[in-house]
C-alpha atoms as a PDB file:
ATOM      1  CA  MET A   1       0.368   0.153  -0.264  1.00  0.00           C
ATOM      2  CA  ARG A   2       1.312   3.544  -0.925  1.00  0.00           C
ATOM      3  CA  THR A   3       1.763   5.786   2.091  1.00  0.00           C
ATOM      4  CA  ARG A   4       1.263   9.254   2.013  1.00  0.00           C
ATOM      5  CA  THR A   5       5.076   9.575   2.745  1.00  0.00           C
ATOM      6  CA  HIS A   6       5.666   7.727  -1.073  1.00  0.00           C
ATOM      7  CA  ILE A   7       2.960   9.511  -2.237  1.00  0.00           C
ATOM      8  CA  LEU A   8       4.914  12.828  -1.283  1.00  0.00           C
ATOM      9  CA  ALA A   9       8.315  11.253  -2.149  1.00  0.00           C
ATOM     10  CA  ALA A  10       6.984  10.862  -5.960  1.00  0.00           C
ATOM     11  CA  THR A  11       5.265  14.129  -6.252  1.00  0.00           C
ATOM     12  CA  VAL A  12       9.032  15.817  -5.448  1.00  0.00           C
ATOM     13  CA  ILE A  13      10.641  13.810  -7.579  1.00  0.00           C
ATOM     14  CA  LEU A  14       8.012  14.302 -10.350  1.00  0.00           C
ATOM     15  CA  THR A  15       8.534  17.883  -9.724  1.00  0.00           C
ATOM     16  CA  ALA A  16      12.153  18.248  -9.603  1.00  0.00           C
ATOM     17  CA  PHE A  17      11.928  16.099 -13.182  1.00  0.00           C
ATOM     18  CA  THR A  18       9.811  18.519 -14.527  1.00  0.00           C
ATOM     19  CA  GLN A  19      12.083  21.444 -13.262  1.00  0.00           C
ATOM     20  CA  LEU A  20      14.819  19.732 -15.088  1.00  0.00           C
ATOM     21  CA  GLN A  21      13.356  19.474 -18.041  1.00  0.00           C
ATOM     22  CA  ALA A  22      12.334  23.111 -17.983  1.00  0.00           C
ATOM     23  CA  GLN A  23      16.112  24.200 -17.435  1.00  0.00           C
ATOM     24  CA  THR A  24      17.454  21.940 -20.347  1.00  0.00           C
ATOM     25  CA  PRO A  25      16.953  23.816 -24.147  1.00  0.00           C
ATOM     26  CA  ASN A  26      14.740  22.304 -26.740  1.00  0.00           C
ATOM     27  CA  THR A  27      12.996  20.231 -24.491  1.00  0.00           C
ATOM     28  CA  LEU A  28       9.320  20.009 -23.379  1.00  0.00           C
ATOM     29  CA  THR A  29       8.292  19.283 -19.816  1.00  0.00           C
ATOM     30  CA  LEU A  30       5.280  16.966 -19.260  1.00  0.00           C
ATOM     31  CA  GLN A  31       3.270  19.793 -18.489  1.00  0.00           C
ATOM     32  CA  GLU A  32       3.818  21.643 -21.626  1.00  0.00           C
ATOM     33  CA  GLN A  33       3.464  18.374 -23.582  1.00  0.00           C
ATOM     34  CA  ALA A  34      -0.143  17.788 -21.654  1.00  0.00           C
ATOM     35  CA  GLN A  35      -1.267  21.318 -22.994  1.00  0.00           C
ATOM     36  CA  GLY A  36      -0.311  20.193 -26.446  1.00  0.00           C
ATOM     37  CA  TRP A  37       2.587  22.147 -26.780  1.00  0.00           C
ATOM     38  CA  HIS A  38       5.365  20.899 -30.015  1.00  0.00           C
ATOM     39  CA  LEU A  39       9.112  21.372 -30.757  1.00  0.00           C
ATOM     40  CA  LEU A  40       9.677  23.181 -33.842  1.00  0.00           C
ATOM     41  CA  PHE A  41      13.690  23.162 -33.694  1.00  0.00           C
ATOM     42  CA  ASP A  42      14.721  20.123 -32.120  1.00  0.00           C
ATOM     43  CA  GLY A  43      18.215  21.448 -31.234  1.00  0.00           C
ATOM     44  CA  LYS A  44      20.145  19.447 -33.686  1.00  0.00           C
ATOM     45  CA  THR A  45      18.641  19.492 -37.249  1.00  0.00           C
ATOM     46  CA  ALA A  46      16.516  21.621 -39.488  1.00  0.00           C
ATOM     47  CA  GLU A  47      13.654  19.617 -39.407  1.00  0.00           C
ATOM     48  CA  GLY A  48      10.893  21.471 -40.573  1.00  0.00           C
ATOM     49  CA  TRP A  49      12.418  24.766 -41.746  1.00  0.00           C
ATOM     50  CA  HIS A  50      13.886  25.078 -45.209  1.00  0.00           C
ATOM     51  CA  SER A  51      15.052  28.310 -47.412  1.00  0.00           C
ATOM     52  CA  THR A  52      12.623  30.837 -48.812  1.00  0.00           C
ATOM     53  CA  HIS A  53      15.109  30.090 -52.078  1.00  0.00           C
ATOM     54  CA  GLY A  54      14.429  26.823 -52.528  1.00  0.00           C
ATOM     55  CA  PRO A  55      13.478  23.668 -50.845  1.00  0.00           C
ATOM     56  CA  ALA A  56      16.368  22.945 -48.967  1.00  0.00           C
ATOM     57  CA  PHE A  57      17.983  24.920 -45.731  1.00  0.00           C
ATOM     58  CA  PRO A  58      20.048  27.405 -46.455  1.00  0.00           C
ATOM     59  CA  THR A  59      24.058  25.768 -46.901  1.00  0.00           C
ATOM     60  CA  ALA A  60      25.440  28.937 -45.508  1.00  0.00           C
ATOM     61  CA  GLY A  61      24.729  31.902 -43.713  1.00  0.00           C
ATOM     62  CA  TRP A  62      22.866  29.733 -41.153  1.00  0.00           C
ATOM     63  CA  GLU A  63      24.385  27.401 -38.654  1.00  0.00           C
ATOM     64  CA  ILE A  64      23.039  24.909 -36.100  1.00  0.00           C
ATOM     65  CA  LYS A  65      24.977  24.357 -33.400  1.00  0.00           C
ATOM     66  CA  ASP A  66      25.212  23.795 -29.343  1.00  0.00           C
ATOM     67  CA  GLY A  67      21.453  23.732 -29.752  1.00  0.00           C
ATOM     68  CA  LEU A  68      21.384  27.343 -31.271  1.00  0.00           C
ATOM     69  CA  LEU A  69      19.756  28.268 -34.856  1.00  0.00           C
ATOM     70  CA  SER A  70      21.599  31.322 -35.800  1.00  0.00           C
ATOM     71  CA  VAL A  71      22.209  33.481 -38.921  1.00  0.00           C
ATOM     72  CA  THR A  72      26.235  33.708 -38.785  1.00  0.00           C
ATOM     73  CA  GLU A  73      26.187  36.184 -41.575  1.00  0.00           C
ATOM     74  CA  HIS A  74      27.193  39.830 -41.195  1.00  0.00           C
ATOM     75  CA  GLY A  75      25.984  41.579 -44.598  1.00  0.00           C
ATOM     76  CA  GLY A  76      24.201  44.337 -42.754  1.00  0.00           C
ATOM     77  CA  GLU A  77      21.233  46.386 -43.265  1.00  0.00           C
ATOM     78  CA  GLU A  78      20.319  44.733 -46.529  1.00  0.00           C
ATOM     79  CA  GLY A  79      20.321  41.446 -45.229  1.00  0.00           C
ATOM     80  CA  GLY A  80      22.403  38.639 -45.796  1.00  0.00           C
ATOM     81  CA  ASN A  81      22.817  36.450 -48.731  1.00  0.00           C
ATOM     82  CA  ALA A  82      21.653  32.910 -47.152  1.00  0.00           C
ATOM     83  CA  GLY A  83      17.855  34.757 -46.866  1.00  0.00           C
ATOM     84  CA  ASP A  84      15.426  33.749 -44.624  1.00  0.00           C
ATOM     85  CA  ILE A  85      14.229  30.103 -43.375  1.00  0.00           C
ATOM     86  CA  ILE A  86      10.136  29.409 -43.274  1.00  0.00           C
ATOM     87  CA  SER A  87       8.305  26.495 -41.650  1.00  0.00           C
ATOM     88  CA  SER A  88       6.941  23.533 -43.793  1.00  0.00           C
ATOM     89  CA  ARG A  89       3.733  24.094 -43.134  1.00  0.00           C
ATOM     90  CA  THR A  90       0.859  26.761 -42.272  1.00  0.00           C
ATOM     91  CA  TYR A  91      -0.419  27.724 -38.753  1.00  0.00           C
ATOM     92  CA  ALA A  92      -4.204  29.679 -38.462  1.00  0.00           C
ATOM     93  CA  ASN A  93      -4.694  29.879 -34.666  1.00  0.00           C
ATOM     94  CA  PHE A  94      -1.898  29.484 -32.449  1.00  0.00           C
ATOM     95  CA  GLU A  95       0.605  30.131 -29.437  1.00  0.00           C
ATOM     96  CA  LEU A  96       4.173  30.868 -30.622  1.00  0.00           C
ATOM     97  CA  SER A  97       6.811  30.817 -28.007  1.00  0.00           C
ATOM     98  CA  VAL A  98      10.637  31.544 -29.359  1.00  0.00           C
ATOM     99  CA  ASP A  99      13.930  32.613 -26.951  1.00  0.00           C
ATOM    100  CA  PHE A 100      16.357  34.842 -29.285  1.00  0.00           C
ATOM    101  CA  ARG A 101      19.655  36.810 -28.398  1.00  0.00           C
ATOM    102  CA  ILE A 102      21.348  39.184 -30.831  1.00  0.00           C
ATOM    103  CA  THR A 103      24.245  41.066 -31.000  1.00  0.00           C
ATOM    104  CA  PRO A 104      24.802  45.003 -31.077  1.00  0.00           C
ATOM    105  CA  GLY A 105      22.975  46.481 -33.702  1.00  0.00           C
ATOM    106  CA  ALA A 106      21.267  43.506 -34.801  1.00  0.00           C
ATOM    107  CA  ASN A 107      17.927  43.409 -36.944  1.00  0.00           C
ATOM    108  CA  SER A 108      15.781  40.367 -37.134  1.00  0.00           C
ATOM    109  CA  GLY A 109      12.294  39.019 -36.762  1.00  0.00           C
ATOM    110  CA  ILE A 110       9.770  36.092 -36.342  1.00  0.00           C
ATOM    111  CA  LYS A 111       7.089  36.854 -38.930  1.00  0.00           C
ATOM    112  CA  TYR A 112       3.862  34.830 -39.024  1.00  0.00           C
ATOM    113  CA  PHE A 113       0.393  34.232 -41.737  1.00  0.00           C
ATOM    114  CA  VAL A 114       3.543  34.839 -44.081  1.00  0.00           C
ATOM    115  CA  ASP A 115       2.141  34.559 -47.635  1.00  0.00           C
ATOM    116  CA  PRO A 116       5.061  34.036 -50.174  1.00  0.00           C
ATOM    117  CA  ALA A 117       2.936  34.994 -53.202  1.00  0.00           C
ATOM    118  CA  TYR A 118       2.930  38.309 -52.063  1.00  0.00           C
ATOM    119  CA  ASN A 119       6.177  39.434 -53.387  1.00  0.00           C
ATOM    120  CA  LYS A 120       8.242  36.898 -55.299  1.00  0.00           C
ATOM    121  CA  THR A 121      11.169  39.333 -55.012  1.00  0.00           C
ATOM    122  CA  THR A 122      14.856  38.261 -53.614  1.00  0.00           C
ATOM    123  CA  GLY A 123      13.431  40.930 -50.476  1.00  0.00           C
ATOM    124  CA  SER A 124      12.199  38.872 -47.519  1.00  0.00           C
ATOM    125  CA  PRO A 125       8.536  37.616 -47.487  1.00  0.00           C
ATOM    126  CA  VAL A 126       5.828  40.067 -45.932  1.00  0.00           C
ATOM    127  CA  GLY A 127       3.719  38.690 -43.417  1.00  0.00           C
ATOM    128  CA  PHE A 128       3.062  40.134 -39.959  1.00  0.00           C
ATOM    129  CA  GLU A 129       5.875  40.481 -37.682  1.00  0.00           C
ATOM    130  CA  TYR A 130       7.209  40.521 -34.389  1.00  0.00           C
ATOM    131  CA  GLN A 131      10.292  42.738 -34.461  1.00  0.00           C
ATOM    132  CA  ILE A 132      13.772  41.845 -33.352  1.00  0.00           C
ATOM    133  CA  LEU A 133      15.878  44.628 -33.039  1.00  0.00           C
ATOM    134  CA  ASP A 134      19.011  46.499 -30.933  1.00  0.00           C
ATOM    135  CA  ASP A 135      16.679  49.717 -30.375  1.00  0.00           C
ATOM    136  CA  ALA A 136      19.697  51.783 -28.930  1.00  0.00           C
ATOM    137  CA  LEU A 137      21.757  51.066 -32.283  1.00  0.00           C
ATOM    138  CA  HIS A 138      19.788  50.335 -35.097  1.00  0.00           C
ATOM    139  CA  PRO A 139      18.331  53.528 -36.836  1.00  0.00           C
ATOM    140  CA  ASP A 140      15.062  51.516 -37.644  1.00  0.00           C
ATOM    141  CA  ALA A 141      13.777  52.141 -34.141  1.00  0.00           C
ATOM    142  CA  LYS A 142      13.406  55.487 -34.867  1.00  0.00           C
ATOM    143  CA  LYS A 143      11.973  55.057 -38.314  1.00  0.00           C
ATOM    144  CA  GLY A 144       7.822  53.949 -38.736  1.00  0.00           C
ATOM    145  CA  ARG A 145       5.442  55.710 -36.705  1.00  0.00           C
ATOM    146  CA  ASP A 146       5.510  55.969 -32.988  1.00  0.00           C
ATOM    147  CA  GLY A 147       7.915  53.418 -32.082  1.00  0.00           C
ATOM    148  CA  ASN A 148       6.519  50.537 -34.092  1.00  0.00           C
ATOM    149  CA  ARG A 149       9.547  49.214 -35.348  1.00  0.00           C
ATOM    150  CA  THR A 150      11.257  48.797 -32.079  1.00  0.00           C
ATOM    151  CA  VAL A 151      11.659  45.412 -30.841  1.00  0.00           C
ATOM    152  CA  ALA A 152       8.276  43.094 -30.327  1.00  0.00           C
ATOM    153  CA  SER A 153       6.422  45.600 -31.763  1.00  0.00           C
ATOM    154  CA  LEU A 154       3.700  44.587 -34.804  1.00  0.00           C
ATOM    155  CA  TYR A 155       6.449  45.974 -36.834  1.00  0.00           C
ATOM    156  CA  ASP A 156       5.322  48.996 -39.098  1.00  0.00           C
ATOM    157  CA  LEU A 157       1.957  48.769 -37.761  1.00  0.00           C
ATOM    158  CA  ILE A 158       1.389  48.878 -33.431  1.00  0.00           C
ATOM    159  CA  PRO A 159       4.551  49.396 -31.212  1.00  0.00           C
ATOM    160  CA  ALA A 160       5.173  47.567 -28.176  1.00  0.00           C
ATOM    161  CA  ALA A 161       4.611  49.086 -25.078  1.00  0.00           C
ATOM    162  CA  THR A 162       7.443  51.440 -23.598  1.00  0.00           C
ATOM    163  CA  SER A 163       7.512  49.729 -20.714  1.00  0.00           C
ATOM    164  CA  LYS A 164       8.114  46.429 -22.256  1.00  0.00           C
ATOM    165  CA  PRO A 165      10.887  44.429 -20.361  1.00  0.00           C
ATOM    166  CA  ILE A 166      14.100  43.643 -22.386  1.00  0.00           C
ATOM    167  CA  HIS A 167      17.107  42.379 -21.293  1.00  0.00           C
ATOM    168  CA  PRO A 168      20.369  43.458 -22.367  1.00  0.00           C
ATOM    169  CA  ILE A 169      22.323  43.073 -25.485  1.00  0.00           C
ATOM    170  CA  GLY A 170      23.673  39.313 -25.100  1.00  0.00           C
ATOM    171  CA  GLN A 171      21.354  37.601 -23.607  1.00  0.00           C
ATOM    172  CA  TRP A 172      18.447  35.787 -23.997  1.00  0.00           C
ATOM    173  CA  ASN A 173      14.855  37.183 -24.334  1.00  0.00           C
ATOM    174  CA  THR A 174      11.793  35.245 -25.303  1.00  0.00           C
ATOM    175  CA  ALA A 175       9.210  36.194 -27.526  1.00  0.00           C
ATOM    176  CA  ARG A 176       5.510  34.951 -27.435  1.00  0.00           C
ATOM    177  CA  ILE A 177       2.931  35.384 -30.421  1.00  0.00           C
ATOM    178  CA  VAL A 178      -1.077  34.434 -29.395  1.00  0.00           C
ATOM    179  CA  VAL A 179      -3.178  34.470 -32.566  1.00  0.00           C
ATOM    180  CA  HIS A 180      -6.778  33.393 -32.175  1.00  0.00           C
ATOM    181  CA  GLY A 181      -9.107  34.314 -34.359  1.00  0.00           C
ATOM    182  CA  ILE A 182      -9.034  37.809 -35.511  1.00  0.00           C
ATOM    183  CA  HIS A 183      -7.311  38.611 -31.865  1.00  0.00           C
ATOM    184  CA  GLY A 184      -3.450  38.987 -31.676  1.00  0.00           C
ATOM    185  CA  GLU A 185      -0.677  39.228 -28.949  1.00  0.00           C
ATOM    186  CA  HIS A 186       2.778  40.189 -28.473  1.00  0.00           C
ATOM    187  CA  TRP A 187       4.840  38.964 -25.285  1.00  0.00           C
ATOM    188  CA  LEU A 188       8.258  39.537 -24.179  1.00  0.00           C
ATOM    189  CA  ASN A 189       9.751  38.118 -20.957  1.00  0.00           C
ATOM    190  CA  GLY A 190       6.328  36.908 -19.532  1.00  0.00           C
ATOM    191  CA  VAL A 191       4.622  40.521 -20.369  1.00  0.00           C
ATOM    192  CA  LYS A 192       1.819  41.437 -23.323  1.00  0.00           C
ATOM    193  CA  VAL A 193       3.532  44.573 -24.946  1.00  0.00           C
ATOM    194  CA  VAL A 194       1.300  44.194 -27.998  1.00  0.00           C
ATOM    195  CA  GLU A 195      -2.493  43.682 -28.584  1.00  0.00           C
ATOM    196  CA  TYR A 196      -4.980  44.056 -31.546  1.00  0.00           C
ATOM    197  CA  ASP A 197      -7.778  42.823 -33.655  1.00  0.00           C
ATOM    198  CA  ARG A 198      -7.604  42.228 -37.412  1.00  0.00           C
ATOM    199  CA  LEU A 199     -10.195  42.884 -39.911  1.00  0.00           C
ATOM    200  CA  THR A 200     -11.510  45.788 -38.039  1.00  0.00           C
ATOM    201  CA  PRO A 201     -11.691  49.166 -39.128  1.00  0.00           C
ATOM    202  CA  LYS A 202      -9.040  50.650 -36.713  1.00  0.00           C
ATOM    203  CA  PHE A 203      -6.350  48.211 -38.131  1.00  0.00           C
ATOM    204  CA  LYS A 204      -7.596  48.768 -41.724  1.00  0.00           C
ATOM    205  CA  GLN A 205      -6.626  52.003 -40.779  1.00  0.00           C
ATOM    206  CA  LEU A 206      -3.371  50.777 -39.485  1.00  0.00           C
ATOM    207  CA  VAL A 207      -2.296  48.903 -42.658  1.00  0.00           C
ATOM    208  CA  ALA A 208      -3.454  51.587 -44.996  1.00  0.00           C
ATOM    209  CA  ASP A 209      -0.884  53.752 -43.238  1.00  0.00           C
ATOM    210  CA  SER A 210       2.188  51.333 -42.949  1.00  0.00           C
ATOM    211  CA  LYS A 211       4.779  50.040 -46.388  1.00  0.00           C
ATOM    212  CA  PHE A 212       2.305  47.461 -46.400  1.00  0.00           C
ATOM    213  CA  HIS A 213      -0.484  49.187 -47.761  1.00  0.00           C
ATOM    214  CA  VAL A 214       0.675  47.915 -51.478  1.00  0.00           C
ATOM    215  CA  TYR A 215      -0.167  44.997 -50.677  1.00  0.00           C
ATOM    216  CA  PRO A 216      -4.402  43.933 -51.559  1.00  0.00           C
ATOM    217  CA  GLY A 217      -5.843  42.429 -48.650  1.00  0.00           C
ATOM    218  CA  PHE A 218      -2.559  42.362 -46.057  1.00  0.00           C
ATOM    219  CA  GLY A 219      -3.818  41.650 -42.880  1.00  0.00           C
ATOM    220  CA  ASP A 220      -6.829  39.500 -44.031  1.00  0.00           C
ATOM    221  CA  ALA A 221      -5.820  35.799 -44.198  1.00  0.00           C
ATOM    222  CA  SER A 222      -6.639  33.345 -41.320  1.00  0.00           C
ATOM    223  CA  SER A 223      -3.097  31.369 -42.099  1.00  0.00           C
ATOM    224  CA  GLY A 224      -0.051  31.442 -43.128  1.00  0.00           C
ATOM    225  CA  TYR A 225       3.460  30.348 -42.323  1.00  0.00           C
ATOM    226  CA  LEU A 226       6.069  31.269 -39.848  1.00  0.00           C
ATOM    227  CA  LEU A 227       9.515  33.232 -40.838  1.00  0.00           C
ATOM    228  CA  LEU A 228      12.589  33.700 -38.928  1.00  0.00           C
ATOM    229  CA  GLN A 229      14.436  36.373 -40.603  1.00  0.00           C
ATOM    230  CA  ASP A 230      18.238  36.657 -41.995  1.00  0.00           C
ATOM    231  CA  HIS A 231      19.179  40.590 -42.202  1.00  0.00           C
ATOM    232  CA  GLY A 232      22.167  40.207 -42.122  1.00  0.00           C
ATOM    233  CA  PHE A 233      23.079  40.457 -38.646  1.00  0.00           C
ATOM    234  CA  PRO A 234      24.249  37.518 -36.096  1.00  0.00           C
ATOM    235  CA  VAL A 235      21.211  36.434 -33.724  1.00  0.00           C
ATOM    236  CA  SER A 236      20.286  33.141 -32.453  1.00  0.00           C
ATOM    237  CA  PHE A 237      17.339  31.680 -31.967  1.00  0.00           C
ATOM    238  CA  ARG A 238      16.307  28.450 -29.262  1.00  0.00           C
ATOM    239  CA  ASN A 239      13.333  26.809 -27.870  1.00  0.00           C
ATOM    240  CA  ILE A 240      11.070  27.144 -30.849  1.00  0.00           C
ATOM    241  CA  LYS A 241       7.553  25.605 -29.842  1.00  0.00           C
ATOM    242  CA  ILE A 242       4.200  25.830 -30.649  1.00  0.00           C
ATOM    243  CA  ARG A 243       0.680  24.736 -29.850  1.00  0.00           C
ATOM    244  CA  GLU A 244      -2.131  24.998 -32.000  1.00  0.00           C
ATOM    245  CA  LEU A 245      -5.339  26.335 -30.613  1.00  0.00           C
ATOM    246  CA  PRO A 246      -8.958  25.443 -31.084  1.00  0.00           C
ATOM    247  CA  PRO A 247     -10.695  27.710 -34.087  1.00  0.00           C
ATOM    248  CA  THR A 248     -12.933  30.622 -33.330  1.00  0.00           C
ATOM    249  CA  THR A 249     -16.271  31.573 -34.865  1.00  0.00           C
ATOM    250  CA  ALA A 250     -15.391  35.217 -33.516  1.00  0.00           C
ATOM    251  CA  HIS A 251     -14.887  38.132 -36.436  1.00  0.00           C
END
């Protein structure tokens, strides 16, 4: 018969094991698995990702090493030659979590609702973007409108809260993107810094006032690819995980 002591001991062991898992990059805790989370990067391979230039993963400019998925190029503002990497499938309703670490002056981004058909040039495919930036050193922080190109912002559309908790350059930050129907949120290090509803007059005006006004129907799509951006600056990602949320009928 299991005694109370045995049960408490088992609970302690399970808790310790769960905490150990949480401290190991590119793994899921038992709780996360139960909640429906899935890894999009196993820390060892490029499975699930490929270049926007073709069906294979870039042979240069990106590196998988020591459990990190990193841009290694130093191409500067115009972007690197390796190009972005894009997910193998589309997502509609989801919660995405990504750890990112940048270098001084860096520019990058996590894109979602990406539709490669919008632009077929050599540039970065168009989509919603969780901005990754060195706000202090990169000039893009002062462009756009009201700071809507600073870190954690919905790029060129909605600025992140000025009270956002950003860790210093060279340290890890955690981006979280939540999409449920027309509702979207950006989180930074556990704090919600952007919130919006698509398909509303207010949001459509934001699009009309942005660089995306040249793309008919921008912001209307209910699903799209995920993308990690090569903007020509070294940046690293890890703990890329997602859980899909049930569809909503809200409009």
